[in-house]
């Protein structure tokens, strides 16, 4: 297992060197340098367009969710995370793609990152989590229309490979952080491998 992880790490770094994701970061910096909290180093490792954020960059509190759009508990916690970000100006919530439940999860994650390149990622993200029942093609198309996404541009952006690489990177980092399922949550430096309540999150904020 150790051998496969090392080789996977080498593959990831080879893939992203030309993408300038890890220009100032190494595996040692990410996993073994303790000069900065691990959750903040994760954010530095992901390109800006790979993150969906609500709240100010300089917020005192940072909540990170690794999520999948077909995850029931991700859907359950979503309005609670929005409430925190919208009612507290000292808190930011950052959503990171971790599509592990199906190939459809991976496709939709890529679509959201492509929407983020159009500066409509968080709107599309919120629309997807507001869909009643399971996401299907008609509901997906309707969500795109609501957000006014340029579908042709989205297709072009996905085909360039950068979008797919961002999703691959975020999944790699999620696995490295210990995310064995979704949601996986960081509330500042506290790690939770699963759903936690709104009250529990509030109790952990500074």
Protein backbone atom coordinates (compact mmCIF):
# COMPACT_ATOMS: atom_id res chain seq x y z
CA UNK A 1 0.00 0.00 0.00
CA UNK A 2 2.83 2.42 0.88
CA UNK A 3 4.39 1.83 -2.53
CA UNK A 4 1.15 2.54 -4.37
CA UNK A 5 0.55 5.76 -2.41
CA UNK A 6 4.03 7.01 -3.23
CA UNK A 7 3.61 6.24 -6.91
CA UNK A 8 0.19 7.88 -6.95
CA UNK A 9 1.74 10.95 -5.34
CA UNK A 10 4.45 11.09 -8.00
CA UNK A 11 1.78 10.80 -10.70
CA UNK A 12 -0.23 13.65 -9.20
CA UNK A 13 2.79 15.92 -8.95
CA UNK A 14 3.88 15.14 -12.50
CA UNK A 15 0.37 15.95 -13.70
CA UNK A 16 0.19 19.28 -11.93
CA UNK A 17 3.66 20.71 -12.30
CA UNK A 18 2.64 22.24 -15.62
CA UNK A 19 -0.62 23.40 -14.04
CA UNK A 20 1.28 25.47 -11.43
CA UNK A 21 -0.73 23.99 -8.59
CA UNK A 22 2.26 22.89 -6.53
CA UNK A 23 4.71 25.56 -7.63
CA UNK A 24 5.51 26.45 -4.00
CA UNK A 25 4.47 23.25 -2.22
CA UNK A 26 5.89 19.75 -1.88
CA UNK A 27 4.48 16.60 -0.30
CA UNK A 28 6.74 17.26 2.67
CA UNK A 29 5.32 20.78 3.07
CA UNK A 30 1.76 19.50 2.86
CA UNK A 31 1.92 16.50 5.14
CA UNK A 32 4.91 17.01 7.45
CA UNK A 33 5.56 20.76 7.87
CA UNK A 34 3.77 21.79 11.07
CA UNK A 35 4.39 25.52 10.79
CA UNK A 36 0.87 26.08 9.47
CA UNK A 37 -2.43 24.27 10.23
CA UNK A 38 -3.05 21.37 7.88
CA UNK A 39 -6.50 22.57 6.77
CA UNK A 40 -5.03 25.88 5.60
CA UNK A 41 -2.26 24.11 3.69
CA UNK A 42 -4.93 22.07 1.92
CA UNK A 43 -6.54 25.28 0.71
CA UNK A 44 -3.21 26.60 -0.54
CA UNK A 45 -2.70 23.41 -2.58
CA UNK A 46 -5.95 23.80 -4.50
CA UNK A 47 -6.27 26.41 -7.29
CA UNK A 48 -8.68 29.26 -6.58
CA UNK A 49 -11.14 28.00 -9.19
CA UNK A 50 -11.17 24.64 -7.45
CA UNK A 51 -12.73 26.16 -4.33
CA UNK A 52 -16.26 27.39 -3.73
CA UNK A 53 -16.29 29.92 -0.92
CA UNK A 54 -18.86 31.86 1.06
CA UNK A 55 -17.48 34.42 3.50
CA UNK A 56 -14.42 36.70 3.59
CA UNK A 57 -10.89 35.49 2.88
CA UNK A 58 -9.67 36.95 6.18
CA UNK A 59 -12.34 35.27 8.30
CA UNK A 60 -11.17 34.12 11.73
CA UNK A 61 -12.95 30.77 11.30
CA UNK A 62 -12.61 28.41 8.35
CA UNK A 63 -14.93 25.49 7.68
CA UNK A 64 -14.02 23.12 4.85
CA UNK A 65 -16.35 20.49 3.48
CA UNK A 66 -15.25 17.73 1.13
CA UNK A 67 -18.51 16.73 -0.52
CA UNK A 68 -20.33 14.77 -3.23
CA UNK A 69 -23.54 16.00 -4.87
CA UNK A 70 -25.16 12.58 -4.49
CA UNK A 71 -24.43 12.42 -0.76
CA UNK A 72 -27.56 12.66 1.38
CA UNK A 73 -25.71 13.98 4.43
CA UNK A 74 -23.95 16.60 2.30
CA UNK A 75 -27.40 17.77 1.25
CA UNK A 76 -28.55 17.77 4.86
CA UNK A 77 -25.63 19.83 6.15
CA UNK A 78 -25.62 22.30 3.26
CA UNK A 79 -28.27 24.76 4.56
CA UNK A 80 -26.61 24.64 7.98
CA UNK A 81 -23.26 25.61 6.49
CA UNK A 82 -24.93 28.40 4.53
CA UNK A 83 -26.54 29.66 7.70
CA UNK A 84 -23.19 29.86 9.46
CA UNK A 85 -21.56 31.73 6.60
CA UNK A 86 -24.47 34.11 6.16
CA UNK A 87 -25.02 34.95 9.83
CA UNK A 88 -21.41 35.27 10.97
CA UNK A 89 -18.99 37.70 9.36
CA UNK A 90 -16.08 35.97 11.11
CA UNK A 91 -16.63 32.65 9.33
CA UNK A 92 -16.00 31.37 5.83
CA UNK A 93 -17.18 28.06 4.41
CA UNK A 94 -15.24 26.44 1.57
CA UNK A 95 -16.63 23.54 -0.44
CA UNK A 96 -14.18 21.12 -2.08
CA UNK A 97 -15.07 18.44 -4.63
CA UNK A 98 -14.73 14.83 -3.49
CA UNK A 99 -16.82 12.82 -6.00
CA UNK A 100 -16.60 9.26 -4.72
CA UNK A 101 -20.10 7.84 -5.00
CA UNK A 102 -20.42 7.34 -8.76
CA UNK A 103 -19.15 8.39 -12.17
CA UNK A 104 -22.08 10.83 -12.26
CA UNK A 105 -20.62 12.43 -9.13
CA UNK A 106 -17.36 12.98 -10.98
CA UNK A 107 -19.07 14.45 -14.05
CA UNK A 108 -21.12 16.90 -11.98
CA UNK A 109 -18.05 17.90 -9.96
CA UNK A 110 -16.32 18.79 -13.22
CA UNK A 111 -19.36 20.77 -14.33
CA UNK A 112 -19.32 22.79 -11.11
CA UNK A 113 -15.62 23.60 -11.48
CA UNK A 114 -16.26 24.62 -15.10
CA UNK A 115 -19.10 26.84 -13.87
CA UNK A 116 -16.66 28.35 -11.39
CA UNK A 117 -14.48 29.39 -14.32
CA UNK A 118 -17.50 31.44 -15.40
CA UNK A 119 -17.74 32.86 -11.84
CA UNK A 120 -20.99 30.96 -11.30
CA UNK A 121 -19.67 28.01 -9.35
CA UNK A 122 -21.20 28.78 -5.95
CA UNK A 123 -24.58 29.61 -7.52
CA UNK A 124 -24.60 26.32 -9.43
CA UNK A 125 -23.41 24.47 -6.33
CA UNK A 126 -26.28 25.88 -4.28
CA UNK A 127 -28.81 25.07 -6.99
CA UNK A 128 -27.67 21.46 -7.11
CA UNK A 129 -28.10 21.05 -3.37
CA UNK A 130 -31.55 22.66 -3.52
CA UNK A 131 -32.83 20.02 -5.99
CA UNK A 132 -35.55 17.87 -4.51
CA UNK A 133 -34.90 14.15 -4.82
CA UNK A 134 -32.12 12.65 -6.88
CA UNK A 135 -30.32 14.72 -9.49
CA UNK A 136 -31.24 13.66 -13.02
CA UNK A 137 -30.57 15.09 -16.46
CA UNK A 138 -33.66 17.32 -16.58
CA UNK A 139 -33.04 18.75 -13.12
CA UNK A 140 -29.40 19.32 -13.98
CA UNK A 141 -30.26 21.20 -17.18
CA UNK A 142 -32.82 23.28 -15.29
CA UNK A 143 -30.25 24.21 -12.63
CA UNK A 144 -27.82 25.32 -15.35
CA UNK A 145 -30.49 27.49 -16.94
CA UNK A 146 -31.35 29.12 -13.62
CA UNK A 147 -27.74 30.10 -13.10
CA UNK A 148 -27.38 31.12 -16.78
CA UNK A 149 -24.34 28.98 -17.45
CA UNK A 150 -22.83 29.04 -20.92
CA UNK A 151 -23.05 25.33 -21.76
CA UNK A 152 -20.78 25.56 -24.80
CA UNK A 153 -18.06 27.28 -22.79
CA UNK A 154 -18.48 24.71 -20.04
CA UNK A 155 -17.92 21.87 -22.50
CA UNK A 156 -14.82 23.56 -23.89
CA UNK A 157 -13.37 24.17 -20.43
CA UNK A 158 -13.92 20.55 -19.39
CA UNK A 159 -12.24 19.28 -22.54
CA UNK A 160 -9.05 21.28 -21.92
CA UNK A 161 -8.18 18.93 -19.07
CA UNK A 162 -7.60 21.59 -16.41
CA UNK A 163 -11.07 21.08 -14.91
CA UNK A 164 -10.58 17.33 -14.68
CA UNK A 165 -7.17 17.86 -13.12
CA UNK A 166 -8.61 20.13 -10.42
CA UNK A 167 -11.16 17.48 -9.47
CA UNK A 168 -8.46 14.81 -9.48
CA UNK A 169 -6.29 16.97 -7.25
CA UNK A 170 -9.05 17.77 -4.77
CA UNK A 171 -9.89 14.06 -4.50
CA UNK A 172 -6.23 13.21 -3.92
CA UNK A 173 -5.98 15.84 -1.18
CA UNK A 174 -9.24 14.68 0.38
CA UNK A 175 -7.89 11.14 0.58
CA UNK A 176 -4.64 12.43 2.00
CA UNK A 177 -6.57 14.32 4.67
CA UNK A 178 -8.37 11.14 5.69
CA UNK A 179 -11.69 11.68 3.93
CA UNK A 180 -13.00 8.14 3.55
CA UNK A 181 -16.54 9.33 2.84
CA UNK A 182 -18.66 12.43 2.53
CA UNK A 183 -19.18 14.82 4.05
CA UNK A 184 -15.76 15.25 5.60
CA UNK A 185 -15.52 18.45 7.60
CA UNK A 186 -12.80 20.65 9.01
CA UNK A 187 -13.99 23.22 11.55
CA UNK A 188 -10.78 25.16 11.85
CA UNK A 189 -8.29 22.44 12.86
CA UNK A 190 -10.91 19.94 14.08
CA UNK A 191 -11.51 17.04 11.68
CA UNK A 192 -14.79 15.13 11.36
CA UNK A 193 -15.30 12.16 9.07
CA UNK A 194 -19.04 12.53 8.67
CA UNK A 195 -22.01 14.74 9.39
CA UNK A 196 -21.93 17.02 12.44
CA UNK A 197 -24.74 19.19 13.72
CA UNK A 198 -25.02 22.95 13.38
CA UNK A 199 -24.79 23.35 17.15
CA UNK A 200 -21.62 21.29 17.26
CA UNK A 201 -20.04 23.41 14.54
CA UNK A 202 -21.02 26.61 16.36
CA UNK A 203 -19.41 25.33 19.56
CA UNK A 204 -16.08 24.94 17.77
CA UNK A 205 -15.94 28.44 16.29
CA UNK A 206 -13.68 31.05 17.85
